[in-house]
Amino acid sequence: MKRSLLLFTVCMWCVALIPLNAGAANPDKIKVGILLPLTGTFAAVAETQKEGALLAVDVVNQRGGLNMPWGKVKVEAVVGDDEAKQDVGVRRYRYMVSEGVKGVGGQTWAPLAFAINAIVSKEPMAYFPISVIPKEGFMKGKLAPSTFAVLNTPWSIGYMDGAAAIKTLGKKKIFFLARADSWGWDIRDGLYTAAKELGGQIVGYEEVSMGTNDFTTILQKVKAAKPDVFISAQFGGDAIALLKQCHQMGLNKEMTIFNAFITNVVAKGLPPEALEGVYALSYFYYDLSALGDAEVAKSAKAFTEMYQAKYNKPPDAYTAIGYVAYMEMFRAFEAAKTFDPLKIAAAILGEKREFMTMKGPAQWREDHQAVYKYATFLVKGKGPREQKNPWDLFSVVGYQGGESVMPSLKSLGY
């Protein structure tokens, strides 16, 4: 009896030493996962995404942490390499969950994001993927209640490509090269919809698998079709290889070359001569002074200066995507006043739908997609005579945005 009493006394003394905020409900520090393909085909792009996510963590911690009801909460980033492989990514996601993360983002490769979304549907987590999730993933009932995607679907990218080519550039005869997966097929479907609505004509179509590096045969078909514009869905290293070969075969002199969705990483991988005159859409460009929106130009400049102070280079488009996703995750935590995934979702689909980014205003839609005033910017590559410094890559010549560039909620089952 005496031994039992002693044990109880010692345990009560231990409990008294535990800080009141050390419990799972009210922590003074949390972990968030950053899971990206830091090796492989998308490694260079993924590195820029990681930098954007880490910058968001820095911004929150520099102000003392998240503003939660019980006080400030610091954020620690747990970084993992998913290698753009489904089995590896799922395994490392589950490891992050075992480490107690309160939120996860990342995935440059959409199929992995969709696989993690399926897990999140059954085991809720604040999940803010950075990849471009297929249109099918936004069908009612398919996206997990706590998954929120700051990027639009590939369908929207294709629709915006078509609208920019036809309406802004006046190019109506289109040859399209897809990638043989949901990325390429969704872009194709969006592009075809835009062409039908806006008076464009598809004069040629081909598709190749991810990782293709010799496009000679296809480019000969493009040349023979004599389109006004050649639009390609290739991304990352694939885009670099394709655009170099377009220049080498002289296609730039015969038609407009248009890459569906570009980043600084791709532009830096090209000689200036091959980049010159290439049009593309980009989620963000660090110099928006030519846009004609003084407030957006100012906020883009402020973000660029903050990023440059840390990384000694201007931010890439995918840097901005990573930053926006994690800042929205943190805003959701604060809005919900909890780390409960379902309460977080309810908070930012309620009165907190609207948010501001470095590229202007946005708001969450019912299907958990972000609607932007400036969804993408139409950029034109600068040649060797135009570039004033190694990062002077593009001129901003237009933009696409609003809900009209997205699949309707009705078409998604809402």
Protein backbone atom coordinates (compact mmCIF):
# COMPACT_ATOMS: atom_id res chain seq x y z
CA MET A 1 0.00 0.00 0.00
CA LYS A 2 2.79 2.41 0.85
CA ARG A 3 4.58 1.65 -2.44
CA SER A 4 1.43 2.48 -4.46
CA LEU A 5 1.02 5.79 -2.68
CA LEU A 6 4.66 6.69 -3.38
CA LEU A 7 4.26 5.90 -7.09
CA PHE A 8 1.14 8.09 -7.33
CA THR A 9 2.93 10.99 -5.61
CA VAL A 10 5.92 10.81 -7.95
CA CYS A 11 3.66 10.74 -11.06
CA MET A 12 1.72 13.78 -9.91
CA TRP A 13 5.01 15.62 -9.38
CA CYS A 14 6.06 14.74 -13.00
CA VAL A 15 2.78 16.04 -14.44
CA ALA A 16 3.29 19.33 -12.65
CA LEU A 17 6.53 19.85 -14.61
CA ILE A 18 4.85 19.47 -18.07
CA PRO A 19 4.12 22.90 -19.68
CA LEU A 20 0.44 23.62 -20.18
CA ASN A 21 0.94 24.07 -23.97
CA ALA A 22 2.85 20.81 -24.49
CA GLY A 23 -0.25 18.72 -25.12
CA ALA A 24 -1.27 17.67 -28.61
CA ALA A 25 -4.15 20.15 -28.65
CA ASN A 26 -2.16 23.31 -27.81
CA PRO A 27 1.44 22.91 -29.00
CA ASP A 28 3.97 25.74 -29.08
CA LYS A 29 5.61 24.19 -32.17
CA ILE A 30 4.28 22.12 -35.08
CA LYS A 31 5.75 20.28 -38.06
CA VAL A 32 4.57 20.55 -41.67
CA GLY A 33 5.66 18.27 -44.50
CA ILE A 34 7.25 19.41 -47.76
CA LEU A 35 7.25 16.39 -50.07
CA LEU A 36 8.71 16.95 -53.55
CA PRO A 37 10.62 15.09 -56.33
CA LEU A 38 14.01 16.50 -55.41
CA THR A 39 15.70 13.94 -57.67
CA GLY A 40 14.71 12.87 -61.18
CA THR A 41 12.98 14.58 -64.11
CA PHE A 42 11.37 17.37 -62.09
CA ALA A 43 14.23 17.99 -59.65
CA ALA A 44 15.14 21.51 -60.78
CA VAL A 45 11.51 22.69 -60.64
CA ALA A 46 10.93 20.92 -57.31
CA GLU A 47 13.90 22.75 -55.81
CA THR A 48 12.24 26.10 -56.58
CA GLN A 49 8.98 24.85 -55.04
CA LYS A 50 10.83 23.81 -51.89
CA GLU A 51 12.41 27.25 -51.64
CA GLY A 52 8.98 28.91 -51.83
CA ALA A 53 7.60 26.63 -49.12
CA LEU A 54 10.60 27.24 -46.84
CA LEU A 55 10.28 30.99 -47.37
CA ALA A 56 6.66 30.80 -46.17
CA VAL A 57 7.84 28.96 -43.04
CA ASP A 58 10.44 31.70 -42.47
CA VAL A 59 7.85 34.47 -42.85
CA VAL A 60 5.57 32.93 -40.23
CA ASN A 61 8.39 32.22 -37.79
CA GLN A 62 9.88 35.70 -38.17
CA ARG A 63 6.63 37.19 -36.92
CA GLY A 64 6.80 34.90 -33.89
CA GLY A 65 4.80 31.97 -35.26
CA LEU A 66 1.19 31.19 -36.04
CA ASN A 67 -1.40 33.25 -34.16
CA MET A 68 -3.38 30.59 -32.31
CA PRO A 69 -5.84 31.12 -29.40
CA TRP A 70 -3.36 29.79 -26.83
CA GLY A 71 -0.41 31.82 -28.15
CA LYS A 72 2.28 31.83 -30.83
CA VAL A 73 3.15 28.52 -32.51
CA LYS A 74 6.42 28.06 -34.38
CA VAL A 75 6.59 25.97 -37.56
CA GLU A 76 9.22 23.36 -38.41
CA ALA A 77 9.54 22.04 -41.98
CA VAL A 78 10.08 18.33 -42.61
CA VAL A 79 11.43 17.93 -46.16
CA GLY A 80 11.19 14.65 -48.11
CA ASP A 81 12.02 13.43 -51.62
CA ASP A 82 9.13 11.61 -53.32
CA GLU A 83 11.26 10.91 -56.44
CA ALA A 84 8.08 11.32 -58.57
CA LYS A 85 7.30 7.68 -57.78
CA GLN A 86 3.97 6.58 -56.37
CA ASP A 87 5.27 3.92 -53.97
CA VAL A 88 8.12 6.09 -52.69
CA GLY A 89 5.91 9.16 -52.29
CA VAL A 90 3.15 7.32 -50.41
CA ARG A 91 5.69 5.69 -48.11
CA ARG A 92 7.36 9.01 -47.30
CA TYR A 93 4.01 10.71 -46.85
CA ARG A 94 3.08 8.08 -44.27
CA TYR A 95 6.43 8.62 -42.55
CA MET A 96 5.67 12.35 -42.27
CA VAL A 97 2.29 11.53 -40.76
CA SER A 98 4.02 9.26 -38.23
CA GLU A 99 6.27 12.22 -37.36
CA GLY A 100 3.17 14.19 -36.37
CA VAL A 101 2.96 16.77 -39.17
CA LYS A 102 -0.15 19.00 -39.08
CA GLY A 103 -0.15 19.69 -42.82
CA VAL A 104 1.52 18.49 -46.03
CA GLY A 105 2.12 20.06 -49.44
CA GLY A 106 4.25 19.44 -52.51
CA GLN A 107 4.13 16.96 -55.37
CA THR A 108 5.23 18.29 -58.74
CA TRP A 109 3.91 15.06 -60.27
CA ALA A 110 0.10 15.01 -60.33
CA PRO A 111 -0.50 11.22 -60.12
CA LEU A 112 1.21 11.14 -56.72
CA ALA A 113 -0.85 14.10 -55.52
CA PHE A 114 -3.98 12.19 -56.50
CA ALA A 115 -2.77 9.10 -54.62
CA ILE A 116 -2.10 11.12 -51.47
CA ASN A 117 -5.47 12.81 -51.85
CA ALA A 118 -7.06 9.33 -51.73
CA ILE A 119 -5.32 8.66 -48.42
CA VAL A 120 -6.37 12.08 -47.09
CA SER A 121 -9.99 11.26 -48.00
CA LYS A 122 -9.92 8.43 -45.46
CA GLU A 123 -7.38 9.85 -43.01
CA PRO A 124 -7.93 13.65 -42.95
CA MET A 125 -4.88 15.93 -43.19
CA ALA A 126 -4.50 19.58 -44.17
CA TYR A 127 -3.22 18.86 -47.68
CA PHE A 128 -2.16 21.67 -50.04
CA PRO A 129 -0.62 20.09 -53.17
CA ILE A 130 1.51 22.26 -55.44
CA SER A 131 1.08 20.09 -58.55
CA VAL A 132 -1.50 20.54 -61.29
CA ILE A 133 -4.17 17.97 -60.38
CA PRO A 134 -6.16 16.48 -63.30
CA LYS A 135 -9.64 17.83 -63.95
CA GLU A 136 -11.10 14.46 -62.92
CA GLY A 137 -9.67 15.01 -59.44
CA PHE A 138 -12.00 17.95 -58.87
CA MET A 139 -15.17 16.03 -59.65
CA LYS A 140 -17.57 16.24 -56.72
CA GLY A 141 -16.73 13.57 -54.19
CA LYS A 142 -13.21 12.85 -55.52
CA LEU A 143 -11.23 15.61 -53.83
CA ALA A 144 -10.78 15.07 -50.10
CA PRO A 145 -12.59 17.57 -47.84
CA SER A 146 -9.25 18.85 -46.55
CA THR A 147 -7.36 19.02 -49.90
CA PHE A 148 -6.95 22.53 -51.41
CA ALA A 149 -5.13 23.13 -54.71
CA VAL A 150 -3.64 26.56 -55.42
CA LEU A 151 -3.02 25.58 -59.05
CA ASN A 152 -5.83 25.14 -61.56
CA THR A 153 -6.31 21.97 -63.60
CA PRO A 154 -4.37 21.19 -66.80
CA TRP A 155 -7.72 21.68 -68.55
CA SER A 156 -7.64 25.35 -67.48
CA ILE A 157 -4.05 25.68 -68.66
CA GLY A 158 -5.08 24.33 -72.08
CA TYR A 159 -8.09 26.62 -72.26
CA MET A 160 -5.92 29.64 -71.37
CA ASP A 161 -3.28 28.59 -73.93
CA GLY A 162 -5.96 28.54 -76.62
CA ALA A 163 -7.50 31.84 -75.55
CA ALA A 164 -4.10 33.55 -75.45
CA ALA A 165 -3.03 32.16 -78.84
CA ILE A 166 -6.31 32.94 -80.61
CA LYS A 167 -7.53 36.14 -78.95
CA THR A 168 -4.29 37.85 -77.91
CA LEU A 169 -1.90 36.68 -80.62
CA GLY A 170 -4.42 36.17 -83.44
CA LYS A 171 -3.12 32.65 -84.22
CA LYS A 172 -5.98 30.40 -85.33
CA LYS A 173 -4.35 27.37 -87.01
CA ILE A 174 -2.97 25.26 -84.14
CA PHE A 175 -0.74 22.18 -84.04
CA PHE A 176 -0.73 20.64 -80.57
CA LEU A 177 1.81 18.24 -79.04
CA ALA A 178 0.49 16.56 -75.89
CA ARG A 179 2.20 14.49 -73.23
CA ALA A 180 0.69 11.01 -73.07
CA ASP A 181 -0.83 11.28 -69.61
CA SER A 182 -3.53 13.21 -67.74
CA TRP A 183 -1.43 16.40 -67.93
CA GLY A 184 -1.27 16.35 -71.72
CA TRP A 185 -4.78 15.03 -72.32
CA ASP A 186 -6.41 17.59 -70.03
CA ILE A 187 -4.47 20.43 -71.68
CA ARG A 188 -5.63 19.05 -75.04
CA ASP A 189 -9.27 19.04 -73.94
CA GLY A 190 -9.09 22.59 -72.61
CA LEU A 191 -7.31 23.80 -75.75
CA TYR A 192 -9.86 22.13 -78.02
CA THR A 193 -12.71 23.74 -76.05
CA ALA A 194 -11.13 27.18 -76.44
CA ALA A 195 -10.54 26.60 -80.15
CA LYS A 196 -14.19 25.62 -80.67
CA GLU A 197 -15.50 28.60 -78.71
CA LEU A 198 -13.12 31.21 -80.11
CA GLY A 199 -12.77 30.23 -83.74
CA GLY A 200 -9.51 28.30 -83.72
CA GLN A 201 -8.67 25.26 -85.85
CA ILE A 202 -6.59 22.24 -84.81
CA VAL A 203 -4.52 21.34 -87.88
CA GLY A 204 -2.34 18.68 -86.26
CA TYR A 205 -2.03 16.56 -83.12
CA GLU A 206 0.64 14.26 -81.70
CA GLU A 207 1.48 12.95 -78.23
CA VAL A 208 4.66 11.57 -76.65
CA SER A 209 5.48 10.05 -73.29
CA MET A 210 7.22 11.93 -70.49
CA GLY A 211 11.00 11.72 -70.85
CA THR A 212 11.05 11.91 -74.68
CA ASN A 213 14.19 13.73 -75.81
CA ASP A 214 14.18 13.38 -79.61
CA PHE A 215 11.34 15.25 -81.30
CA THR A 216 12.77 15.30 -84.86
CA THR A 217 10.07 13.18 -86.51
CA ILE A 218 7.25 15.08 -84.84
CA LEU A 219 8.72 18.47 -85.69
CA GLN A 220 8.90 17.45 -89.33
CA LYS A 221 5.14 16.80 -89.17
CA VAL A 222 4.61 20.17 -87.52
CA LYS A 223 6.60 21.88 -90.25
CA ALA A 224 4.56 20.14 -92.96
CA ALA A 225 1.22 21.13 -91.36
CA LYS A 226 2.13 24.84 -91.58
CA PRO A 227 0.23 26.01 -88.48
CA ASP A 228 0.11 29.59 -87.25
CA VAL A 229 1.18 28.37 -83.81
CA PHE A 230 2.77 25.22 -82.41
CA ILE A 231 1.60 24.65 -78.82
CA SER A 232 3.37 22.00 -76.73
CA ALA A 233 2.51 20.53 -73.33
CA GLN A 234 6.08 19.47 -72.52
CA PHE A 235 7.38 20.59 -69.11
CA GLY A 236 10.72 20.75 -67.31
CA GLY A 237 13.59 18.95 -69.03
CA ASP A 238 11.27 17.72 -71.80
CA ALA A 239 10.38 21.31 -72.67
CA ILE A 240 14.04 22.32 -72.79
CA ALA A 241 14.83 19.51 -75.25
CA LEU A 242 11.82 20.33 -77.44
CA LEU A 243 12.35 24.09 -77.60
CA LYS A 244 16.05 23.65 -78.42
CA GLN A 245 15.12 21.38 -81.34
CA CYS A 246 12.45 23.83 -82.55
CA HIS A 247 15.19 26.45 -82.81
CA GLN A 248 17.70 24.07 -84.42
CA MET A 249 15.16 23.09 -87.12
CA GLY A 250 14.19 26.72 -87.76
CA LEU A 251 10.52 26.36 -86.78
CA ASN A 252 10.71 29.70 -84.93
CA LYS A 253 11.04 31.42 -88.32
CA GLU A 254 7.98 29.72 -89.80
CA MET A 255 5.42 29.82 -86.96
CA THR A 256 4.85 30.99 -83.41
CA ILE A 257 6.27 28.61 -80.80
CA PHE A 258 4.13 28.40 -77.66
CA ASN A 259 4.94 26.34 -74.55
CA ALA A 260 1.84 25.54 -72.49
CA PHE A 261 3.23 26.29 -69.00
CA ILE A 262 6.75 27.56 -68.41
CA THR A 263 9.15 28.38 -65.60
CA ASN A 264 12.45 30.24 -65.29
CA VAL A 265 14.12 26.83 -64.93
CA VAL A 266 13.13 25.98 -68.51
CA ALA A 267 14.09 29.41 -69.83
CA LYS A 268 17.53 29.21 -68.15
CA GLY A 269 18.06 25.82 -69.78
CA LEU A 270 17.80 27.37 -73.24
CA PRO A 271 20.33 29.48 -75.12
CA PRO A 272 18.87 33.00 -75.50
CA GLU A 273 18.59 32.46 -79.25
CA ALA A 274 16.22 29.51 -78.66
CA LEU A 275 14.17 31.40 -76.06
CA GLU A 276 13.72 34.48 -78.26
CA GLY A 277 10.13 34.94 -79.39
CA VAL A 278 8.80 31.85 -77.60
CA TYR A 279 5.40 32.49 -76.01
CA ALA A 280 4.15 30.69 -72.92
CA LEU A 281 1.89 30.94 -69.92
CA SER A 282 3.39 31.27 -66.46
CA TYR A 283 1.81 31.22 -63.01
CA PHE A 284 4.05 34.14 -61.95
CA TYR A 285 6.88 36.30 -63.22
CA TYR A 286 8.98 38.35 -60.88
CA ASP A 287 8.74 41.58 -62.93
CA LEU A 288 5.09 42.56 -63.43
CA SER A 289 5.77 46.26 -64.03
CA ALA A 290 4.41 46.02 -67.59
CA LEU A 291 1.09 44.51 -66.47
CA GLY A 292 -0.61 47.86 -65.89
CA ASP A 293 -1.64 47.07 -62.31
CA ALA A 294 0.46 49.17 -59.93
CA GLU A 295 -0.60 47.31 -56.77
CA VAL A 296 0.22 43.89 -58.18
CA ALA A 297 3.54 45.15 -59.56
CA LYS A 298 4.36 46.48 -56.09
CA SER A 299 3.47 43.23 -54.29
CA ALA A 300 5.40 41.14 -56.85
CA LYS A 301 8.43 43.39 -56.34
CA ALA A 302 8.21 43.06 -52.55
CA PHE A 303 7.99 39.26 -52.78
CA THR A 304 10.91 39.19 -55.22
CA GLU A 305 13.09 41.29 -52.92
CA MET A 306 12.25 39.08 -49.93
CA TYR A 307 13.08 35.93 -51.88
CA GLN A 308 16.29 37.38 -53.36
CA ALA A 309 17.53 38.30 -49.89
CA LYS A 310 17.43 34.60 -49.00
CA TYR A 311 18.35 32.87 -52.27
CA ASN A 312 20.27 35.48 -54.33
CA LYS A 313 18.11 35.09 -57.44
CA PRO A 314 14.60 36.11 -58.55
CA PRO A 315 11.76 33.73 -57.67
CA ASP A 316 10.51 31.25 -60.26
CA ALA A 317 6.85 30.67 -61.09
CA TYR A 318 6.88 27.43 -59.10
CA THR A 319 8.55 29.22 -56.19
CA ALA A 320 5.46 31.41 -56.03
CA ILE A 321 3.19 28.36 -56.16
CA GLY A 322 5.00 26.79 -53.21
CA TYR A 323 4.87 30.01 -51.23
CA VAL A 324 1.15 30.61 -51.86
CA ALA A 325 0.24 27.02 -50.95
CA TYR A 326 2.00 27.10 -47.59
CA MET A 327 0.87 30.61 -46.72
CA GLU A 328 -2.69 29.45 -47.37
CA MET A 329 -2.12 26.40 -45.18
CA PHE A 330 -0.91 28.66 -42.36
CA ARG A 331 -3.78 31.11 -42.91
CA ALA A 332 -6.20 28.17 -42.67
CA PHE A 333 -4.71 27.08 -39.34
CA GLU A 334 -5.18 30.57 -37.95
CA ALA A 335 -8.68 30.98 -39.40
CA ALA A 336 -9.84 27.68 -37.90
CA LYS A 337 -8.03 28.34 -34.59
CA THR A 338 -7.15 24.65 -34.59
CA PHE A 339 -5.13 22.06 -36.50
CA ASP A 340 -8.17 19.84 -37.06
CA PRO A 341 -8.23 19.21 -40.85
CA LEU A 342 -11.99 19.29 -41.29
CA LYS A 343 -12.40 22.47 -39.25
CA ILE A 344 -9.61 24.03 -41.31
CA ALA A 345 -11.50 23.19 -44.51
CA ALA A 346 -14.72 24.66 -43.15
CA ALA A 347 -12.94 27.87 -42.14
CA ILE A 348 -11.54 28.72 -45.58
CA LEU A 349 -14.69 27.71 -47.42
CA GLY A 350 -16.72 30.02 -45.19
CA GLU A 351 -16.08 33.69 -44.54
CA LYS A 352 -12.34 33.27 -45.18
CA ARG A 353 -12.60 32.29 -48.87
CA GLU A 354 -10.84 35.39 -50.16
CA PHE A 355 -7.07 35.80 -49.90
CA MET A 356 -4.33 37.94 -51.34
CA THR A 357 -1.19 36.75 -53.12
CA MET A 358 1.91 38.41 -54.52
CA LYS A 359 0.14 38.34 -57.90
CA GLY A 360 -3.20 39.75 -56.83
CA PRO A 361 -6.50 38.64 -55.27
CA ALA A 362 -7.90 35.11 -55.22
CA GLN A 363 -10.62 33.11 -53.55
CA TRP A 364 -11.44 29.47 -52.90
CA ARG A 365 -14.19 27.92 -54.99
CA GLU A 366 -16.58 25.17 -53.86
CA ASP A 367 -14.45 22.54 -55.62
CA HIS A 368 -11.34 23.63 -53.63
CA GLN A 369 -9.71 25.34 -56.61
CA ALA A 370 -8.35 28.87 -56.33
CA VAL A 371 -9.91 31.47 -58.63
CA TYR A 372 -7.42 34.23 -59.54
CA LYS A 373 -7.87 37.57 -61.23
CA TYR A 374 -4.47 36.83 -62.78
CA ALA A 375 -4.41 33.02 -63.12
CA THR A 376 -1.55 33.05 -65.61
CA PHE A 377 0.60 35.61 -67.39
CA LEU A 378 1.32 35.47 -71.11
CA VAL A 379 5.08 35.88 -71.46
CA LYS A 380 7.38 36.23 -74.46
CA GLY A 381 10.98 35.02 -74.36
CA LYS A 382 13.75 37.58 -74.73
CA GLY A 383 16.68 37.04 -77.05
CA PRO A 384 20.37 37.89 -76.50
CA ARG A 385 19.96 41.53 -77.59
CA GLU A 386 17.04 42.16 -75.21
CA GLN A 387 18.31 40.49 -72.04
CA LYS A 388 19.81 43.08 -69.69
CA ASN A 389 20.98 40.52 -67.12
CA PRO A 390 21.07 36.70 -66.78
CA TRP A 391 17.55 36.66 -65.23
CA ASP A 392 15.93 39.04 -67.73
CA LEU A 393 14.10 36.18 -69.47
CA PHE A 394 10.60 37.31 -70.43
CA SER A 395 8.37 40.23 -71.26
CA VAL A 396 4.86 40.08 -69.80
CA VAL A 397 2.44 40.77 -72.65
CA GLY A 398 -0.94 39.69 -71.26
CA TYR A 399 -2.81 37.56 -68.76
CA GLN A 400 -5.70 35.12 -68.35
CA GLY A 401 -7.91 34.72 -65.30
CA GLY A 402 -11.29 34.66 -63.62
CA GLU A 403 -13.75 31.81 -63.35
CA SER A 404 -14.39 31.73 -67.11
CA VAL A 405 -11.04 29.93 -67.70
CA MET A 406 -12.02 27.11 -65.35
CA PRO A 407 -14.33 24.14 -65.92
CA SER A 408 -17.80 25.03 -64.67
CA LEU A 409 -18.88 23.76 -61.28
CA LYS A 410 -21.85 22.12 -63.02
CA SER A 411 -19.51 20.13 -65.30
CA LEU A 412 -17.74 18.86 -62.17
CA GLY A 413 -20.96 17.67 -60.56
CA TYR A 414 -21.68 20.59 -58.23
